[in-house]
């Protein structure tokens, strides 16, 4: 089944002891990814930015198993279809340390994954400057039609590493359009930059194909 295209069987449940927020992330694949917390939403943005992830969904499957007399159930945070056609169950690393319950859940997921031919991927929640930059670029994931000549002019301006606003001002495209194009191309990973630097400060930028 194409689990990466399915919605959760029921509304997601927030982590114990945490304030939940049932929201959805409109992914760049034009799909609605349901998230049960702000932590999940942040990982959803990172998955959306990952070029190896073609499509993904939030909590589309629920696992059931028994341990002695106890019955357990759990939903992995995301299921993704990767560029190579494989599927991957994505699990978020707990915010307050890893305990026995988390290990038991991972063991159940590993057993299912081996049978189904899935990968299992554990991700930490992005934070700090990395999160700020991701959220900034995500606003440009639904780019309007781009003039190919303007796009090439912007790419040409960053054949060598140079500050964002310097290159945008030197490419021959109106500055506001050029800056927006830079962010669009960053979301597409055709332009790269130093993730340690906040985007509003204009970090060094260069083309993904290499610099002169």
Protein backbone atom coordinates (compact mmCIF):
# COMPACT_ATOMS: atom_id res chain seq x y z
CA UNK A 1 0.00 0.00 0.00
CA UNK A 2 1.13 3.55 -0.72
CA UNK A 3 1.31 4.52 2.94
CA UNK A 4 3.09 7.75 2.08
CA UNK A 5 -0.19 8.91 0.49
CA UNK A 6 -2.50 7.96 3.38
CA UNK A 7 -3.87 10.05 6.22
CA UNK A 8 -3.75 8.82 9.86
CA UNK A 9 -6.43 6.28 10.79
CA UNK A 10 -7.58 8.72 13.50
CA UNK A 11 -6.45 12.15 14.69
CA UNK A 12 -2.89 11.95 16.05
CA UNK A 13 -2.27 11.95 19.79
CA UNK A 14 0.26 14.33 21.33
CA UNK A 15 3.22 13.01 23.27
CA UNK A 16 2.49 12.38 26.95
CA UNK A 17 3.11 15.48 29.05
CA UNK A 18 3.31 17.75 26.01
CA UNK A 19 0.88 20.23 24.60
CA UNK A 20 -0.27 18.84 21.27
CA UNK A 21 -1.34 20.77 18.23
CA UNK A 22 -3.03 18.93 15.41
CA UNK A 23 -2.01 20.79 12.30
CA UNK A 24 -1.01 19.97 8.74
CA UNK A 25 1.99 20.76 6.58
CA UNK A 26 1.19 21.47 2.90
CA UNK A 27 4.16 19.74 1.32
CA UNK A 28 5.84 20.76 -1.91
CA UNK A 29 4.34 17.59 -3.45
CA UNK A 30 0.91 19.23 -2.89
CA UNK A 31 -0.03 16.70 -0.21
CA UNK A 32 -1.37 17.42 3.28
CA UNK A 33 0.88 15.96 5.97
CA UNK A 34 -0.95 15.71 9.29
CA UNK A 35 1.25 16.49 12.32
CA UNK A 36 0.30 15.88 15.94
CA UNK A 37 2.72 18.40 17.45
CA UNK A 38 4.92 21.33 16.56
CA UNK A 39 7.94 19.02 16.90
CA UNK A 40 6.53 16.79 14.18
CA UNK A 41 5.76 19.78 12.00
CA UNK A 42 9.41 20.86 12.16
CA UNK A 43 10.59 17.43 11.09
CA UNK A 44 7.98 17.50 8.30
CA UNK A 45 9.60 20.68 6.94
CA UNK A 46 13.00 18.98 6.99
CA UNK A 47 11.61 15.93 5.16
CA UNK A 48 10.00 18.20 2.58
CA UNK A 49 13.40 19.80 1.97
CA UNK A 50 15.22 16.46 1.69
CA UNK A 51 15.89 15.73 -2.02
CA UNK A 52 15.84 11.97 -1.37
CA UNK A 53 12.23 12.12 -0.12
CA UNK A 54 9.66 12.08 -2.94
CA UNK A 55 6.50 12.01 -0.81
CA UNK A 56 5.66 11.41 2.84
CA UNK A 57 2.73 11.31 5.24
CA UNK A 58 2.25 11.64 8.98
CA UNK A 59 1.35 8.61 11.11
CA UNK A 60 -0.37 6.69 8.30
CA UNK A 61 0.08 3.28 9.95
CA UNK A 62 -0.42 1.92 13.45
CA UNK A 63 1.55 -1.05 14.80
CA UNK A 64 -0.01 -3.53 17.27
CA UNK A 65 1.94 -6.15 19.23
CA UNK A 66 1.93 -8.13 22.47
CA UNK A 67 4.65 -8.31 25.09
CA UNK A 68 3.71 -10.96 27.63
CA UNK A 69 0.13 -10.18 28.54
CA UNK A 70 0.42 -6.51 27.64
CA UNK A 71 -0.91 -5.19 24.35
CA UNK A 72 0.83 -2.25 22.72
CA UNK A 73 0.13 0.04 19.81
CA UNK A 74 2.18 2.83 18.29
CA UNK A 75 2.39 4.93 15.15
CA UNK A 76 5.76 5.81 13.62
CA UNK A 77 5.90 9.56 13.01
CA UNK A 78 6.17 9.45 9.21
CA UNK A 79 6.35 7.06 6.27
CA UNK A 80 8.20 8.30 3.19
CA UNK A 81 8.76 7.09 -0.35
CA UNK A 82 12.37 7.68 -1.32
CA UNK A 83 13.81 8.65 -4.67
CA UNK A 84 15.05 5.10 -5.30
CA UNK A 85 11.50 3.76 -4.85
CA UNK A 86 12.04 2.33 -1.37
CA UNK A 87 9.94 3.23 1.66
CA UNK A 88 11.26 4.60 4.91
CA UNK A 89 9.65 4.83 8.36
CA UNK A 90 10.86 8.02 10.02
CA UNK A 91 10.95 8.20 13.82
CA UNK A 92 11.68 11.32 15.84
CA UNK A 93 14.26 11.11 18.59
CA UNK A 94 12.58 11.73 22.00
CA UNK A 95 13.04 15.18 23.46
CA UNK A 96 13.81 13.95 26.98
CA UNK A 97 16.09 11.00 26.57
CA UNK A 98 15.69 7.46 25.33
CA UNK A 99 13.97 4.97 27.62
CA UNK A 100 12.93 1.30 27.54
CA UNK A 101 9.54 2.08 25.96
CA UNK A 102 11.20 3.79 22.99
CA UNK A 103 13.57 0.84 22.50
CA UNK A 104 10.62 -1.55 22.57
CA UNK A 105 8.79 0.49 19.96
CA UNK A 106 11.86 0.58 17.73
CA UNK A 107 12.26 -3.18 18.05
CA UNK A 108 8.66 -3.69 16.91
CA UNK A 109 9.19 -1.28 14.01
CA UNK A 110 12.45 -2.98 12.99
CA UNK A 111 10.66 -6.32 12.80
CA UNK A 112 7.91 -4.87 10.60
CA UNK A 113 10.45 -3.01 8.47
CA UNK A 114 12.48 -6.14 7.78
CA UNK A 115 9.35 -7.99 6.66
CA UNK A 116 8.12 -5.10 4.50
CA UNK A 117 11.50 -4.13 3.05
CA UNK A 118 11.43 -0.68 4.62
CA UNK A 119 14.27 1.43 5.91
CA UNK A 120 14.06 2.96 9.39
CA UNK A 121 15.42 6.46 9.91
CA UNK A 122 15.74 8.28 13.23
CA UNK A 123 15.74 12.08 13.08
CA UNK A 124 16.29 14.80 15.63
CA UNK A 125 14.06 17.86 15.57
CA UNK A 126 15.79 20.78 13.81
CA UNK A 127 16.32 23.82 15.98
CA UNK A 128 18.12 27.13 16.18
CA UNK A 129 19.49 28.68 13.00
CA UNK A 130 18.90 25.49 11.02
CA UNK A 131 15.17 25.58 11.84
CA UNK A 132 14.91 29.31 11.15
CA UNK A 133 16.54 28.88 7.74
CA UNK A 134 14.32 25.90 6.88
CA UNK A 135 11.16 27.79 7.74
CA UNK A 136 12.38 30.81 5.78
CA UNK A 137 13.04 28.77 2.64
CA UNK A 138 9.82 26.78 2.98
CA UNK A 139 7.88 29.91 2.09
CA UNK A 140 9.38 29.57 -1.40
CA UNK A 141 8.50 25.90 -2.03
CA UNK A 142 5.51 26.84 -4.23
CA UNK A 143 7.36 29.01 -6.70
CA UNK A 144 5.42 30.87 -9.37
CA UNK A 145 6.51 30.52 -12.96
CA UNK A 146 10.13 31.53 -13.21
CA UNK A 147 11.61 33.32 -16.21
CA UNK A 148 14.34 30.92 -17.45
CA UNK A 149 16.64 33.79 -18.45
CA UNK A 150 16.37 35.40 -15.03
CA UNK A 151 16.96 32.04 -13.38
CA UNK A 152 20.12 31.45 -15.40
CA UNK A 153 21.33 34.98 -14.65
CA UNK A 154 21.00 34.35 -10.91
CA UNK A 155 22.76 30.99 -11.14
CA UNK A 156 25.55 32.56 -13.22
CA UNK A 157 26.06 35.26 -10.56
CA UNK A 158 26.86 32.60 -7.95
CA UNK A 159 29.35 30.53 -9.93
CA UNK A 160 31.80 31.81 -7.33
CA UNK A 161 31.03 32.11 -3.65
CA UNK A 162 29.73 35.53 -2.79
CA UNK A 163 27.34 37.15 -0.29
CA UNK A 164 23.67 36.61 -1.11
CA UNK A 165 22.70 40.25 -1.57
CA UNK A 166 25.88 41.07 -3.49
CA UNK A 167 25.18 38.34 -6.05
CA UNK A 168 21.49 39.24 -6.30
CA UNK A 169 22.41 42.85 -6.98
CA UNK A 170 25.01 41.96 -9.61
CA UNK A 171 23.03 39.48 -11.73
CA UNK A 172 21.17 42.03 -13.84
CA UNK A 173 17.71 40.98 -12.58
CA UNK A 174 15.62 43.47 -10.55
CA UNK A 175 16.88 43.08 -6.99
CA UNK A 176 13.62 42.04 -5.31
CA UNK A 177 12.95 39.44 -8.00
CA UNK A 178 16.56 38.24 -7.82
CA UNK A 179 16.47 37.77 -4.03
CA UNK A 180 13.24 35.78 -4.27
CA UNK A 181 14.79 33.65 -7.02
CA UNK A 182 17.81 32.98 -4.81
CA UNK A 183 15.52 31.60 -2.09
CA UNK A 184 13.57 29.51 -4.59
CA UNK A 185 16.80 28.00 -5.92
CA UNK A 186 18.01 27.36 -2.37
CA UNK A 187 14.83 25.42 -1.61
CA UNK A 188 15.46 23.42 -4.77
CA UNK A 189 19.08 22.89 -3.62
CA UNK A 190 20.42 24.38 -6.83
CA UNK A 191 22.06 27.09 -4.74
CA UNK A 192 23.92 26.20 -1.55
CA UNK A 193 24.86 28.30 1.46
CA UNK A 194 26.35 28.14 4.95
CA UNK A 195 23.59 26.78 7.22
CA UNK A 196 25.32 28.20 10.29
CA UNK A 197 24.47 31.72 9.10
CA UNK A 198 20.92 33.17 9.28
CA UNK A 199 19.52 33.84 5.82
CA UNK A 200 18.42 37.42 6.58
CA UNK A 201 22.09 38.32 7.11
CA UNK A 202 23.01 37.32 3.57
CA UNK A 203 25.39 34.35 3.93
CA UNK A 204 27.82 33.20 1.26
CA UNK A 205 26.00 31.46 -1.61
CA UNK A 206 27.26 29.27 -4.46
CA UNK A 207 25.85 26.99 -7.16
CA UNK A 208 25.37 23.30 -6.43
CA UNK A 209 27.21 22.42 -9.66
CA UNK A 210 30.44 23.86 -8.31
CA UNK A 211 32.15 27.21 -8.10
CA UNK A 212 34.71 28.87 -10.26
